[in-house]
Structures are given as C-alpha cells and as structure tokens.
C-alpha cells in the first residue's frame, strides 16, 4: 500500500551514516542524494527518504520496519546497527505474538526512532 516514506532528521549527515549501514545490510542503498535530502531503495527507486527537520519542534518517535529476506539478514542488519553504535531495543528473536514466523530485531536510530528489521519466513 505504501509507495515511499520520508522522515525528518535533526542531522541528515549523522542519520545517513546509520541508514547507509543498516540498509546496506538489507541490500539497499542510496539511490538519490541531494545533500540534505537522501533517497534509499533498490533498483534505482527510492522508497525511504531522509530530510532535514522542519520547524523548531523535535520529531515524535516513529516505528519503521524494514523487510529482510531471511533471518540471517535480520542478524546482519542488527550487527551493522550495533556496529555503528545504535541503542539496542530488542535482540534478534522470534516474536510469536505477532506471527508464528515473525523474526525481528529493534534498535534506535540517531533521532530516537524505533527501527526494525523483520523476516516473516520460516528458517
């Protein structure tokens, strides 16, 4: 249903370092870069965008979940996030309360958002 999502960041350069690492672990990357606005995706199509924080108020926390092909990719994503200093919210594990095969990991991005990688396939 969604075509793309854009989030505002206090510091796009800092946030882009985080998303370069974690989205790279999922097989994605920068497909458009306008300096202060960066689009991430695959096959040349941006589906996730970073832009500067507009206005003076801080962002409200978002929850963003990125799909992973398999559980090993969730673990690679998690390792990439932790490797660049992300706060761990939940280690990779099964979440049977969501779905029998729901395998996810959760961290905080530089703006305090709850970011997840999830695979819904059995191992």
PDB file of N, CA and C in Angstrom:
ATOM      1  N   UNK A   1       0.800  -1.185   0.000  1.00  0.00           N
ATOM      2  CA  UNK A   1       0.000   0.000   0.000  1.00  0.00           C
ATOM      3  C   UNK A   1       0.854   1.265   0.000  1.00  0.00           C
ATOM      4  N   UNK A   2       1.963   1.287   0.742  1.00  0.00           N
ATOM      5  CA  UNK A   2       2.815   2.473   0.758  1.00  0.00           C
ATOM      6  C   UNK A   2       3.744   2.477  -0.456  1.00  0.00           C
ATOM      7  N   UNK A   3       3.968   3.656  -1.007  1.00  0.00           N
ATOM      8  CA  UNK A   3       4.919   3.806  -2.096  1.00  0.00           C
ATOM      9  C   UNK A   3       6.278   4.251  -1.559  1.00  0.00           C
ATOM     10  N   UNK A   4       6.267   5.197  -0.629  1.00  0.00           N
ATOM     11  CA  UNK A   4       7.510   5.636  -0.010  1.00  0.00           C
ATOM     12  C   UNK A   4       7.210   6.338   1.316  1.00  0.00           C
ATOM     13  N   UNK A   5       8.246   6.463   2.136  1.00  0.00           N
ATOM     14  CA  UNK A   5       8.156   7.114   3.438  1.00  0.00           C
ATOM     15  C   UNK A   5       9.326   8.073   3.558  1.00  0.00           C
ATOM     16  N   UNK A   6       9.071   9.232   4.154  1.00  0.00           N
ATOM     17  CA  UNK A   6      10.125  10.207   4.401  1.00  0.00           C
ATOM     18  C   UNK A   6      10.122  10.563   5.878  1.00  0.00           C
ATOM     19  N   UNK A   7      11.312  10.603   6.472  1.00  0.00           N
ATOM     20  CA  UNK A   7      11.414  11.034   7.861  1.00  0.00           C
ATOM     21  C   UNK A   7      12.307  12.265   7.933  1.00  0.00           C
ATOM     22  N   UNK A   8      12.046  13.098   8.921  1.00  0.00           N
ATOM     23  CA  UNK A   8      12.867  14.278   9.142  1.00  0.00           C
ATOM     24  C   UNK A   8      13.900  13.971  10.210  1.00  0.00           C
ATOM     25  N   UNK A   9      15.107  14.505  10.006  1.00  0.00           N
ATOM     26  CA  UNK A   9      16.236  14.195  10.875  1.00  0.00           C
ATOM     27  C   UNK A   9      16.860  15.477  11.406  1.00  0.00           C
ATOM     28  N   UNK A  10      17.276  15.435  12.667  1.00  0.00           N
ATOM     29  CA  UNK A  10      17.970  16.585  13.254  1.00  0.00           C
ATOM     30  C   UNK A  10      19.283  16.851  12.518  1.00  0.00           C
ATOM     31  N   UNK A  11      19.962  15.790  12.099  1.00  0.00           N
ATOM     32  CA  UNK A  11      21.232  15.907  11.382  1.00  0.00           C
ATOM     33  C   UNK A  11      21.244  14.840  10.286  1.00  0.00           C
ATOM     34  N   UNK A  12      20.963  15.230   9.068  1.00  0.00           N
ATOM     35  CA  UNK A  12      20.861  14.280   7.955  1.00  0.00           C
ATOM     36  C   UNK A  12      22.179  13.540   7.748  1.00  0.00           C
ATOM     37  N   UNK A  13      23.302  14.209   7.933  1.00  0.00           N
ATOM     38  CA  UNK A  13      24.598  13.551   7.736  1.00  0.00           C
ATOM     39  C   UNK A  13      24.788  12.408   8.731  1.00  0.00           C
ATOM     40  N   UNK A  14      24.443  12.628   9.989  1.00  0.00           N
ATOM     41  CA  UNK A  14      24.575  11.582  11.007  1.00  0.00           C
ATOM     42  C   UNK A  14      23.589  10.451  10.727  1.00  0.00           C
ATOM     43  N   UNK A  15      22.344  10.807  10.439  1.00  0.00           N
ATOM     44  CA  UNK A  15      21.335   9.779  10.157  1.00  0.00           C
ATOM     45  C   UNK A  15      21.683   8.985   8.912  1.00  0.00           C
ATOM     46  N   UNK A  16      22.238   9.638   7.911  1.00  0.00           N
ATOM     47  CA  UNK A  16      22.577   8.919   6.678  1.00  0.00           C
ATOM     48  C   UNK A  16      23.680   7.889   6.922  1.00  0.00           C
ATOM     49  N   UNK A  17      24.598   8.143   7.838  1.00  0.00           N
ATOM     50  CA  UNK A  17      25.616   7.139   8.170  1.00  0.00           C
ATOM     51  C   UNK A  17      24.953   5.892   8.753  1.00  0.00           C
ATOM     52  N   UNK A  18      23.974   6.096   9.638  1.00  0.00           N
ATOM     53  CA  UNK A  18      23.230   4.976  10.218  1.00  0.00           C
ATOM     54  C   UNK A  18      22.492   4.209   9.123  1.00  0.00           C
ATOM     55  N   UNK A  19      21.722   4.910   8.297  1.00  0.00           N
ATOM     56  CA  UNK A  19      20.920   4.225   7.272  1.00  0.00           C
ATOM     57  C   UNK A  19      21.775   3.650   6.146  1.00  0.00           C
ATOM     58  N   UNK A  20      22.928   4.257   5.837  1.00  0.00           N
ATOM     59  CA  UNK A  20      23.847   3.636   4.873  1.00  0.00           C
ATOM     60  C   UNK A  20      24.221   2.232   5.355  1.00  0.00           C
ATOM     61  N   UNK A  21      24.542   2.110   6.653  1.00  0.00           N
ATOM     62  CA  UNK A  21      24.978   0.821   7.202  1.00  0.00           C
ATOM     63  C   UNK A  21      23.839  -0.179   7.278  1.00  0.00           C
ATOM     64  N   UNK A  22      22.718   0.219   7.876  1.00  0.00           N
ATOM     65  CA  UNK A  22      21.662  -0.776   8.105  1.00  0.00           C
ATOM     66  C   UNK A  22      20.915  -1.139   6.832  1.00  0.00           C
ATOM     67  N   UNK A  23      20.696  -0.186   5.947  1.00  0.00           N
ATOM     68  CA  UNK A  23      20.005  -0.531   4.703  1.00  0.00           C
ATOM     69  C   UNK A  23      20.934  -1.261   3.745  1.00  0.00           C
ATOM     70  N   UNK A  24      22.226  -0.996   3.824  1.00  0.00           N
ATOM     71  CA  UNK A  24      23.201  -1.765   3.051  1.00  0.00           C
ATOM     72  C   UNK A  24      23.171  -3.238   3.430  1.00  0.00           C
ATOM     73  N   UNK A  25      22.977  -3.515   4.722  1.00  0.00           N
ATOM     74  CA  UNK A  25      22.891  -4.903   5.188  1.00  0.00           C
ATOM     75  C   UNK A  25      21.658  -5.614   4.637  1.00  0.00           C
ATOM     76  N   UNK A  26      20.641  -4.847   4.240  1.00  0.00           N
ATOM     77  CA  UNK A  26      19.419  -5.421   3.659  1.00  0.00           C
ATOM     78  C   UNK A  26      19.454  -5.457   2.133  1.00  0.00           C
ATOM     79  N   UNK A  27      20.547  -4.987   1.546  1.00  0.00           N
ATOM     80  CA  UNK A  27      20.665  -4.982   0.086  1.00  0.00           C
ATOM     81  C   UNK A  27      20.206  -3.688  -0.561  1.00  0.00           C
ATOM     82  N   UNK A  28      19.919  -2.684   0.238  1.00  0.00           N
ATOM     83  CA  UNK A  28      19.504  -1.376  -0.292  1.00  0.00           C
ATOM     84  C   UNK A  28      20.641  -0.383  -0.195  1.00  0.00           C
ATOM     85  N   UNK A  29      20.380   0.823  -0.638  1.00  0.00           N
ATOM     86  CA  UNK A  29      21.388   1.872  -0.563  1.00  0.00           C
ATOM     87  C   UNK A  29      20.850   3.175  -1.098  1.00  0.00           C
ATOM     88  N   UNK A  30      21.719   4.167  -1.116  1.00  0.00           N
ATOM     89  CA  UNK A  30      21.351   5.486  -1.636  1.00  0.00           C
ATOM     90  C   UNK A  30      21.101   5.378  -3.137  1.00  0.00           C
ATOM     91  N   UNK A  31      19.969   5.862  -3.564  1.00  0.00           N
ATOM     92  CA  UNK A  31      19.707   5.919  -4.998  1.00  0.00           C
ATOM     93  C   UNK A  31      19.585   7.363  -5.479  1.00  0.00           C
ATOM     94  N   UNK A  32      19.325   8.282  -4.551  1.00  0.00           N
ATOM     95  CA  UNK A  32      19.318   9.714  -4.855  1.00  0.00           C
ATOM     96  C   UNK A  32      19.931  10.448  -3.677  1.00  0.00           C
ATOM     97  N   UNK A  33      20.754  11.440  -3.970  1.00  0.00           N
ATOM     98  CA  UNK A  33      21.397  12.201  -2.910  1.00  0.00           C
ATOM     99  C   UNK A  33      21.462  13.654  -3.334  1.00  0.00           C
ATOM    100  N   UNK A  34      20.653  14.473  -2.677  1.00  0.00           N
ATOM    101  CA  UNK A  34      20.629  15.903  -2.951  1.00  0.00           C
ATOM    102  C   UNK A  34      21.328  16.681  -1.847  1.00  0.00           C
ATOM    103  N   UNK A  35      22.195  16.016  -1.091  1.00  0.00           N
ATOM    104  CA  UNK A  35      22.915  16.649   0.010  1.00  0.00           C
ATOM    105  C   UNK A  35      22.103  16.627   1.289  1.00  0.00           C
ATOM    106  N   UNK A  36      21.081  17.455   1.369  1.00  0.00           N
ATOM    107  CA  UNK A  36      20.273  17.498   2.586  1.00  0.00           C
ATOM    108  C   UNK A  36      19.039  16.599   2.487  1.00  0.00           C
ATOM    109  N   UNK A  37      18.799  16.024   1.331  1.00  0.00           N
ATOM    110  CA  UNK A  37      17.694  15.079   1.136  1.00  0.00           C
ATOM    111  C   UNK A  37      18.264  13.845   0.448  1.00  0.00           C
ATOM    112  N   UNK A  38      18.054  12.682   1.079  1.00  0.00           N
ATOM    113  CA  UNK A  38      18.642  11.440   0.568  1.00  0.00           C
ATOM    114  C   UNK A  38      17.552  10.396   0.416  1.00  0.00           C
ATOM    115  N   UNK A  39      17.548   9.722  -0.750  1.00  0.00           N
ATOM    116  CA  UNK A  39      16.591   8.655  -1.008  1.00  0.00           C
ATOM    117  C   UNK A  39      17.279   7.302  -1.050  1.00  0.00           C
ATOM    118  N   UNK A  40      16.715   6.343  -0.333  1.00  0.00           N
ATOM    119  CA  UNK A  40      17.242   4.976  -0.281  1.00  0.00           C
ATOM    120  C   UNK A  40      16.276   4.022  -0.957  1.00  0.00           C
ATOM    121  N   UNK A  41      16.821   2.987  -1.543  1.00  0.00           N
ATOM    122  CA  UNK A  41      15.975   1.978  -2.153  1.00  0.00           C
ATOM    123  C   UNK A  41      16.809   0.936  -2.855  1.00  0.00           C
ATOM    124  N   UNK A  42      16.168   0.295  -3.830  1.00  0.00           N
ATOM    125  CA  UNK A  42      16.822  -0.710  -4.662  1.00  0.00           C
ATOM    126  C   UNK A  42      16.426  -0.461  -6.107  1.00  0.00           C
ATOM    127  N   UNK A  43      17.200  -0.979  -7.009  1.00  0.00           N
ATOM    128  CA  UNK A  43      16.921  -0.897  -8.449  1.00  0.00           C
ATOM    129  C   UNK A  43      16.624   0.532  -8.901  1.00  0.00           C
ATOM    130  N   UNK A  44      17.332   1.503  -8.314  1.00  0.00           N
ATOM    131  CA  UNK A  44      17.192   2.887  -8.746  1.00  0.00           C
ATOM    132  C   UNK A  44      15.938   3.591  -8.277  1.00  0.00           C
ATOM    133  N   UNK A  45      15.118   2.950  -7.450  1.00  0.00           N
ATOM    134  CA  UNK A  45      13.869   3.550  -6.986  1.00  0.00           C
ATOM    135  C   UNK A  45      13.946   3.818  -5.492  1.00  0.00           C
ATOM    136  N   UNK A  46      13.815   5.077  -5.095  1.00  0.00           N
ATOM    137  CA  UNK A  46      13.853   5.448  -3.683  1.00  0.00           C
ATOM    138  C   UNK A  46      12.489   5.215  -3.034  1.00  0.00           C
ATOM    139  N   UNK A  47      12.498   4.497  -1.920  1.00  0.00           N
ATOM    140  CA  UNK A  47      11.248   4.261  -1.191  1.00  0.00           C
ATOM    141  C   UNK A  47      11.336   4.744   0.259  1.00  0.00           C
ATOM    142  N   UNK A  48      12.533   5.143   0.695  1.00  0.00           N
ATOM    143  CA  UNK A  48      12.727   5.654   2.046  1.00  0.00           C
ATOM    144  C   UNK A  48      13.604   6.896   1.956  1.00  0.00           C
ATOM    145  N   UNK A  49      13.127   8.003   2.513  1.00  0.00           N
ATOM    146  CA  UNK A  49      13.794   9.296   2.366  1.00  0.00           C
ATOM    147  C   UNK A  49      14.173   9.898   3.709  1.00  0.00           C
ATOM    148  N   UNK A  50      15.307  10.589   3.733  1.00  0.00           N
ATOM    149  CA  UNK A  50      15.721  11.412   4.866  1.00  0.00           C
ATOM    150  C   UNK A  50      15.716  12.863   4.420  1.00  0.00           C
ATOM    151  N   UNK A  51      15.228  13.745   5.283  1.00  0.00           N
ATOM    152  CA  UNK A  51      15.270  15.177   5.008  1.00  0.00           C
ATOM    153  C   UNK A  51      15.495  15.916   6.324  1.00  0.00           C
ATOM    154  N   UNK A  52      15.883  17.200   6.239  1.00  0.00           N
ATOM    155  CA  UNK A  52      16.136  17.959   7.466  1.00  0.00           C
ATOM    156  C   UNK A  52      14.853  18.189   8.257  1.00  0.00           C
ATOM    157  N   UNK A  53      15.019  18.309   9.567  1.00  0.00           N
ATOM    158  CA  UNK A  53      13.918  18.605  10.458  1.00  0.00           C
ATOM    159  C   UNK A  53      13.352  19.981  10.125  1.00  0.00           C
ATOM    160  N   UNK A  54      12.061  20.049   9.877  1.00  0.00           N
ATOM    161  CA  UNK A  54      11.401  21.322   9.554  1.00  0.00           C
ATOM    162  C   UNK A  54      10.797  21.906  10.831  1.00  0.00           C
ATOM    163  N   UNK A  55      10.904  23.209  10.989  1.00  0.00           N
ATOM    164  CA  UNK A  55      10.356  23.839  12.180  1.00  0.00           C
ATOM    165  C   UNK A  55      11.282  23.660  13.362  1.00  0.00           C
ATOM    166  N   UNK A  56      10.865  24.130  14.503  1.00  0.00           N
ATOM    167  CA  UNK A  56      11.724  24.093  15.673  1.00  0.00           C
ATOM    168  C   UNK A  56      11.470  22.932  16.610  1.00  0.00           C
ATOM    169  N   UNK A  57      10.323  22.287  16.478  1.00  0.00           N
ATOM    170  CA  UNK A  57       9.979  21.220  17.426  1.00  0.00           C
ATOM    171  C   UNK A  57      10.685  19.920  17.062  1.00  0.00           C
ATOM    172  N   UNK A  58      11.021  19.113  18.067  1.00  0.00           N
ATOM    173  CA  UNK A  58      11.632  17.811  17.768  1.00  0.00           C
ATOM    174  C   UNK A  58      10.601  16.852  17.179  1.00  0.00           C
ATOM    175  N   UNK A  59      11.107  15.832  16.517  1.00  0.00           N
ATOM    176  CA  UNK A  59      10.232  14.799  15.949  1.00  0.00           C
ATOM    177  C   UNK A  59       9.589  13.985  17.046  1.00  0.00           C
ATOM    178  N   UNK A  60       8.439  13.419  16.739  1.00  0.00           N
ATOM    179  CA  UNK A  60       7.866  12.387  17.590  1.00  0.00           C
ATOM    180  C   UNK A  60       8.471  11.066  17.140  1.00  0.00           C
ATOM    181  N   UNK A  61       8.597  10.139  18.069  1.00  0.00           N
ATOM    182  CA  UNK A  61       9.182   8.840  17.741  1.00  0.00           C
ATOM    183  C   UNK A  61       8.325   8.099  16.726  1.00  0.00           C
ATOM    184  N   UNK A  62       8.999   7.538  15.721  1.00  0.00           N
ATOM    185  CA  UNK A  62       8.360   6.696  14.719  1.00  0.00           C
ATOM    186  C   UNK A  62       8.794   5.256  14.920  1.00  0.00           C
ATOM    187  N   UNK A  63       7.994   4.335  14.431  1.00  0.00           N
ATOM    188  CA  UNK A  63       8.419   2.941  14.330  1.00  0.00           C
ATOM    189  C   UNK A  63       8.488   2.622  12.841  1.00  0.00           C
ATOM    190  N   UNK A  64       9.654   2.188  12.398  1.00  0.00           N
ATOM    191  CA  UNK A  64       9.891   1.878  10.987  1.00  0.00           C
ATOM    192  C   UNK A  64      10.405   0.449  10.911  1.00  0.00           C
ATOM    193  N   UNK A  65       9.740  -0.400  10.133  1.00  0.00           N
ATOM    194  CA  UNK A  65      10.171  -1.791   9.983  1.00  0.00           C
ATOM    195  C   UNK A  65      10.568  -2.043   8.535  1.00  0.00           C
ATOM    196  N   UNK A  66      11.772  -2.542   8.348  1.00  0.00           N
ATOM    197  CA  UNK A  66      12.282  -2.886   7.023  1.00  0.00           C
ATOM    198  C   UNK A  66      12.240  -4.398   6.859  1.00  0.00           C
ATOM    199  N   UNK A  67      11.781  -4.864   5.717  1.00  0.00           N
ATOM    200  CA  UNK A  67      11.706  -6.292   5.440  1.00  0.00           C
ATOM    201  C   UNK A  67      13.058  -6.875   5.099  1.00  0.00           C
ATOM    202  N   UNK A  68      13.292  -8.084   5.592  1.00  0.00           N
ATOM    203  CA  UNK A  68      14.527  -8.818   5.298  1.00  0.00           C
ATOM    204  C   UNK A  68      14.157 -10.138   4.635  1.00  0.00           C
ATOM    205  N   UNK A  69      15.019 -10.603   3.750  1.00  0.00           N
ATOM    206  CA  UNK A  69      14.769 -11.845   3.013  1.00  0.00           C
ATOM    207  C   UNK A  69      14.780 -13.083   3.890  1.00  0.00           C
ATOM    208  N   UNK A  70      15.642 -13.070   4.921  1.00  0.00           N
ATOM    209  CA  UNK A  70      15.763 -14.244   5.783  1.00  0.00           C
ATOM    210  C   UNK A  70      16.270 -13.806   7.146  1.00  0.00           C
ATOM    211  N   UNK A  71      16.315 -14.750   8.069  1.00  0.00           N
ATOM    212  CA  UNK A  71      16.724 -14.435   9.442  1.00  0.00           C
ATOM    213  C   UNK A  71      18.193 -14.046   9.533  1.00  0.00           C
ATOM    214  N   UNK A  72      19.022 -14.626   8.693  1.00  0.00           N
ATOM    215  CA  UNK A  72      20.440 -14.253   8.688  1.00  0.00           C
ATOM    216  C   UNK A  72      20.597 -12.780   8.306  1.00  0.00           C
ATOM    217  N   UNK A  73      19.763 -12.297   7.414  1.00  0.00           N
ATOM    218  CA  UNK A  73      19.820 -10.891   7.022  1.00  0.00           C
ATOM    219  C   UNK A  73      19.381  -9.996   8.174  1.00  0.00           C
ATOM    220  N   UNK A  74      18.384 -10.411   8.946  1.00  0.00           N
ATOM    221  CA  UNK A  74      17.994  -9.655  10.141  1.00  0.00           C
ATOM    222  C   UNK A  74      19.194  -9.548  11.086  1.00  0.00           C
ATOM    223  N   UNK A  75      19.899 -10.651  11.275  1.00  0.00           N
ATOM    224  CA  UNK A  75      21.065 -10.633  12.165  1.00  0.00           C
ATOM    225  C   UNK A  75      22.182  -9.749  11.603  1.00  0.00           C
ATOM    226  N   UNK A  76      22.410  -9.760  10.283  1.00  0.00           N
ATOM    227  CA  UNK A  76      23.415  -8.876   9.674  1.00  0.00           C
ATOM    228  C   UNK A  76      23.023  -7.413   9.859  1.00  0.00           C
ATOM    229  N   UNK A  77      21.742  -7.113   9.665  1.00  0.00           N
ATOM    230  CA  UNK A  77      21.215  -5.761   9.859  1.00  0.00           C
ATOM    231  C   UNK A  77      21.469  -5.312  11.298  1.00  0.00           C
ATOM    232  N   UNK A  78      21.124  -6.173  12.239  1.00  0.00           N
ATOM    233  CA  UNK A  78      21.311  -5.865  13.655  1.00  0.00           C
ATOM    234  C   UNK A  78      22.787  -5.626  13.962  1.00  0.00           C
ATOM    235  N   UNK A  79      23.659  -6.494  13.474  1.00  0.00           N
ATOM    236  CA  UNK A  79      25.101  -6.339  13.699  1.00  0.00           C
ATOM    237  C   UNK A  79      25.611  -5.032  13.105  1.00  0.00           C
ATOM    238  N   UNK A  80      25.110  -4.646  11.937  1.00  0.00           N
ATOM    239  CA  UNK A  80      25.514  -3.377  11.318  1.00  0.00           C
ATOM    240  C   UNK A  80      25.077  -2.205  12.186  1.00  0.00           C
ATOM    241  N   UNK A  81      23.857  -2.253  12.704  1.00  0.00           N
ATOM    242  CA  UNK A  81      23.346  -1.174  13.558  1.00  0.00           C
ATOM    243  C   UNK A  81      24.157  -1.063  14.846  1.00  0.00           C
ATOM    244  N   UNK A  82      24.375  -2.182  15.495  1.00  0.00           N
ATOM    245  CA  UNK A  82      25.138  -2.191  16.745  1.00  0.00           C
ATOM    246  C   UNK A  82      26.576  -1.764  16.481  1.00  0.00           C
ATOM    247  N   UNK A  83      27.116  -2.159  15.337  1.00  0.00           N
ATOM    248  CA  UNK A  83      28.482  -1.816  14.975  1.00  0.00           C
ATOM    249  C   UNK A  83      28.728  -0.331  14.821  1.00  0.00           C
ATOM    250  N   UNK A  84      27.673   0.432  14.535  1.00  0.00           N
ATOM    251  CA  UNK A  84      27.847   1.887  14.435  1.00  0.00           C
ATOM    252  C   UNK A  84      27.274   2.602  15.649  1.00  0.00           C
ATOM    253  N   UNK A  85      27.002   1.832  16.714  1.00  0.00           N
ATOM    254  CA  UNK A  85      26.642   2.439  17.988  1.00  0.00           C
ATOM    255  C   UNK A  85      25.161   2.613  18.271  1.00  0.00           C
ATOM    256  N   UNK A  86      24.295   1.959  17.515  1.00  0.00           N
ATOM    257  CA  UNK A  86      22.862   2.094  17.765  1.00  0.00           C
ATOM    258  C   UNK A  86      22.482   1.490  19.109  1.00  0.00           C
ATOM    259  N   UNK A  87      21.540   2.146  19.781  1.00  0.00           N
ATOM    260  CA  UNK A  87      20.995   1.606  21.026  1.00  0.00           C
ATOM    261  C   UNK A  87      20.145   0.383  20.703  1.00  0.00           C
ATOM    262  N   UNK A  88      20.377  -0.702  21.410  1.00  0.00           N
ATOM    263  CA  UNK A  88      19.622  -1.931  21.204  1.00  0.00           C
ATOM    264  C   UNK A  88      18.309  -1.847  21.972  1.00  0.00           C
ATOM    265  N   UNK A  89      17.210  -2.071  21.269  1.00  0.00           N
ATOM    266  CA  UNK A  89      15.905  -2.178  21.921  1.00  0.00           C
ATOM    267  C   UNK A  89      15.558  -3.643  22.159  1.00  0.00           C
ATOM    268  N   UNK A  90      15.749  -4.481  21.122  1.00  0.00           N
ATOM    269  CA  UNK A  90      15.494  -5.917  21.238  1.00  0.00           C
ATOM    270  C   UNK A  90      16.440  -6.675  20.312  1.00  0.00           C
ATOM    271  N   UNK A  91      17.121  -7.647  20.858  1.00  0.00           N
ATOM    272  CA  UNK A  91      17.994  -8.533  20.080  1.00  0.00           C
ATOM    273  C   UNK A  91      17.147  -9.306  19.059  1.00  0.00           C
ATOM    274  N   UNK A  92      17.759  -9.826  18.004  1.00  0.00           N
ATOM    275  CA  UNK A  92      17.014 -10.647  17.044  1.00  0.00           C
ATOM    276  C   UNK A  92      16.398 -11.868  17.730  1.00  0.00           C
ATOM    277  N   UNK A  93      15.117 -12.082  17.475  1.00  0.00           N
ATOM    278  CA  UNK A  93      14.433 -13.249  18.036  1.00  0.00           C
ATOM    279  C   UNK A  93      13.075 -13.417  17.371  1.00  0.00           C
ATOM    280  N   UNK A  94      12.457 -14.551  17.638  1.00  0.00           N
ATOM    281  CA  UNK A  94      11.082 -14.780  17.201  1.00  0.00           C
ATOM    282  C   UNK A  94      10.133 -13.964  18.065  1.00  0.00           C
ATOM    283  N   UNK A  95       9.077 -13.458  17.440  1.00  0.00           N
ATOM    284  CA  UNK A  95       8.013 -12.720  18.112  1.00  0.00           C
ATOM    285  C   UNK A  95       6.698 -13.429  17.786  1.00  0.00           C
ATOM    286  N   UNK A  96       6.425 -14.587  18.411  1.00  0.00           N
ATOM    287  CA  UNK A  96       5.234 -15.370  18.054  1.00  0.00           C
ATOM    288  C   UNK A  96       3.917 -14.660  18.351  1.00  0.00           C
ATOM    289  N   UNK A  97       3.943 -13.632  19.205  1.00  0.00           N
ATOM    290  CA  UNK A  97       2.713 -12.882  19.451  1.00  0.00           C
ATOM    291  C   UNK A  97       2.267 -12.081  18.225  1.00  0.00           C
ATOM    292  N   UNK A  98       3.198 -11.831  17.284  1.00  0.00           N
ATOM    293  CA  UNK A  98       2.863 -11.146  16.038  1.00  0.00           C
ATOM    294  C   UNK A  98       2.482 -12.130  14.943  1.00  0.00           C
ATOM    295  N   UNK A  99       3.258 -13.202  14.847  1.00  0.00           N
ATOM    296  CA  UNK A  99       3.059 -14.216  13.822  1.00  0.00           C
ATOM    297  C   UNK A  99       4.005 -15.364  14.154  1.00  0.00           C
ATOM    298  N   UNK A 100       3.655 -16.576  13.821  1.00  0.00           N
ATOM    299  CA  UNK A 100       4.472 -17.743  14.179  1.00  0.00           C
ATOM    300  C   UNK A 100       5.906 -17.641  13.653  1.00  0.00           C
ATOM    301  N   UNK A 101       6.109 -17.036  12.485  1.00  0.00           N
ATOM    302  CA  UNK A 101       7.442 -16.945  11.882  1.00  0.00           C
ATOM    303  C   UNK A 101       8.031 -15.539  11.923  1.00  0.00           C
ATOM    304  N   UNK A 102       7.464 -14.637  12.704  1.00  0.00           N
ATOM    305  CA  UNK A 102       7.923 -13.249  12.780  1.00  0.00           C
ATOM    306  C   UNK A 102       9.249 -13.204  13.543  1.00  0.00           C
ATOM    307  N   UNK A 103      10.335 -12.879  12.823  1.00  0.00           N
ATOM    308  CA  UNK A 103      11.672 -12.808  13.400  1.00  0.00           C
ATOM    309  C   UNK A 103      12.176 -11.383  13.214  1.00  0.00           C
ATOM    310  N   UNK A 104      12.389 -10.674  14.305  1.00  0.00           N
ATOM    311  CA  UNK A 104      12.769  -9.278  14.186  1.00  0.00           C
ATOM    312  C   UNK A 104      13.788  -8.838  15.214  1.00  0.00           C
ATOM    313  N   UNK A 105      14.406  -7.693  14.923  1.00  0.00           N
ATOM    314  CA  UNK A 105      15.350  -7.032  15.817  1.00  0.00           C
ATOM    315  C   UNK A 105      15.039  -5.542  15.773  1.00  0.00           C
ATOM    316  N   UNK A 106      15.251  -4.857  16.902  1.00  0.00           N
ATOM    317  CA  UNK A 106      14.869  -3.455  17.029  1.00  0.00           C
ATOM    318  C   UNK A 106      16.025  -2.642  17.624  1.00  0.00           C
ATOM    319  N   UNK A 107      16.270  -1.458  17.044  1.00  0.00           N
ATOM    320  CA  UNK A 107      17.278  -0.520  17.553  1.00  0.00           C
ATOM    321  C   UNK A 107      16.719   0.899  17.451  1.00  0.00           C
ATOM    322  N   UNK A 108      17.447   1.847  18.018  1.00  0.00           N
ATOM    323  CA  UNK A 108      17.098   3.267  17.862  1.00  0.00           C
ATOM    324  C   UNK A 108      18.028   3.897  16.833  1.00  0.00           C
ATOM    325  N   UNK A 109      17.456   4.717  15.955  1.00  0.00           N
ATOM    326  CA  UNK A 109      18.284   5.473  15.014  1.00  0.00           C
ATOM    327  C   UNK A 109      18.789   6.743  15.708  1.00  0.00           C
ATOM    328  N   UNK A 110      19.620   7.554  15.039  1.00  0.00           N
ATOM    329  CA  UNK A 110      20.177   8.747  15.691  1.00  0.00           C
ATOM    330  C   UNK A 110      19.124   9.763  16.155  1.00  0.00           C
ATOM    331  N   UNK A 111      17.913   9.708  15.611  1.00  0.00           N
ATOM    332  CA  UNK A 111      16.852  10.630  16.027  1.00  0.00           C
ATOM    333  C   UNK A 111      15.904  10.008  17.047  1.00  0.00           C
ATOM    334  N   UNK A 112      16.225   8.827  17.537  1.00  0.00           N
ATOM    335  CA  UNK A 112      15.404   8.198  18.564  1.00  0.00           C
ATOM    336  C   UNK A 112      14.262   7.347  18.047  1.00  0.00           C
ATOM    337  N   UNK A 113      14.198   7.140  16.742  1.00  0.00           N
ATOM    338  CA  UNK A 113      13.144   6.302  16.180  1.00  0.00           C
ATOM    339  C   UNK A 113      13.407   4.825  16.450  1.00  0.00           C
ATOM    340  N   UNK A 114      12.345   4.081  16.602  1.00  0.00           N
ATOM    341  CA  UNK A 114      12.391   2.637  16.809  1.00  0.00           C
ATOM    342  C   UNK A 114      12.442   1.997  15.417  1.00  0.00           C
ATOM    343  N   UNK A 115      13.598   1.449  15.057  1.00  0.00           N
ATOM    344  CA  UNK A 115      13.808   0.903  13.716  1.00  0.00           C
ATOM    345  C   UNK A 115      14.003  -0.602  13.830  1.00  0.00           C
ATOM    346  N   UNK A 116      13.357  -1.317  12.933  1.00  0.00           N
ATOM    347  CA  UNK A 116      13.318  -2.784  12.993  1.00  0.00           C
ATOM    348  C   UNK A 116      13.662  -3.385  11.645  1.00  0.00           C
ATOM    349  N   UNK A 117      14.261  -4.568  11.696  1.00  0.00           N
ATOM    350  CA  UNK A 117      14.342  -5.442  10.517  1.00  0.00           C
ATOM    351  C   UNK A 117      13.541  -6.686  10.858  1.00  0.00           C
ATOM    352  N   UNK A 118      12.733  -7.146   9.894  1.00  0.00           N
ATOM    353  CA  UNK A 118      11.860  -8.282  10.154  1.00  0.00           C
ATOM    354  C   UNK A 118      11.835  -9.226   8.957  1.00  0.00           C
ATOM    355  N   UNK A 119      11.813 -10.505   9.273  1.00  0.00           N
ATOM    356  CA  UNK A 119      11.600 -11.558   8.286  1.00  0.00           C
ATOM    357  C   UNK A 119      10.390 -12.343   8.759  1.00  0.00           C
ATOM    358  N   UNK A 120       9.466 -12.623   7.865  1.00  0.00           N
ATOM    359  CA  UNK A 120       8.246 -13.366   8.201  1.00  0.00           C
ATOM    360  C   UNK A 120       8.254 -14.777   7.627  1.00  0.00           C
ATOM    361  N   UNK A 121       9.425 -15.243   7.234  1.00  0.00           N
ATOM    362  CA  UNK A 121       9.550 -16.577   6.649  1.00  0.00           C
ATOM    363  C   UNK A 121      10.131 -17.545   7.680  1.00  0.00           C
ATOM    364  N   UNK A 122       9.758 -18.821   7.587  1.00  0.00           N
ATOM    365  CA  UNK A 122      10.388 -19.793   8.481  1.00  0.00           C
ATOM    366  C   UNK A 122      11.860 -19.972   8.119  1.00  0.00           C
ATOM    367  N   UNK A 123      12.617 -20.418   9.091  1.00  0.00           N
ATOM    368  CA  UNK A 123      14.053 -20.598   8.841  1.00  0.00           C
ATOM    369  C   UNK A 123      14.309 -21.806   7.978  1.00  0.00           C
TER     370      UNK A 123
END
